Amino acid sequence: PAMEGIKGNNKRVVVLGATNRPFDLDEAILRRMPRRVLVDLPDEKGRAQILNIVLKHEKLTDDVDIEQIAAMTQNYSGSDLTNLCVAAAYRPIREVLSAELQKSGDSSVRPIRMQDFISAKEEVRPSVSDDQSSIQHLRQWEKSMNKGRRGSQLLHLYT
């Protein structure tokens, strides 16, 4: 009833929904949402692209290797990678704050080093479990829901 009259104005309406638990959706919702798109975890190349975007305005030392960070962050989502970068960027700031508390002087913030990312990785873990049961469940659901649907495709997007 809330959408009555939409057809008469010759405009297109796209309704999107998002959930990380699609298997809990009601059948009536699923009938009205015929396309399903799995937003999967980024692969190594995708992680490198995300890292480049997140870090593009940061001062990094020459030893920072984006490809190496991407390789060591398997199962990290885009959000996990952002959290990793934030944790790495806080390390130089903590050093400045510590120096100021000790009244030892230098208040300039150094660039982010590769070691900052390695240390930050100890703090920031992937939000998807090591056994990937949650993502496997999503992939199986997506496959079963799109099976036999004409024109339906699995798209891999990065969060």
Foldseek 3Di string as FASTA:
>chain_A
DVCPPVVVVPDDDDDDDDDLCVVPDDPVVCVVVLADEDAAADALVVQLVLLCVLCVPFFEDPQADSSVLSVVQPLAASVLSNQLVVQQQCVQVVVLVVCVVVVVDDNDRDGGYNVSSVVSCVVGHHPQDPVNPSVVVVVVVNCVSCPPPPPYDYDHHGD
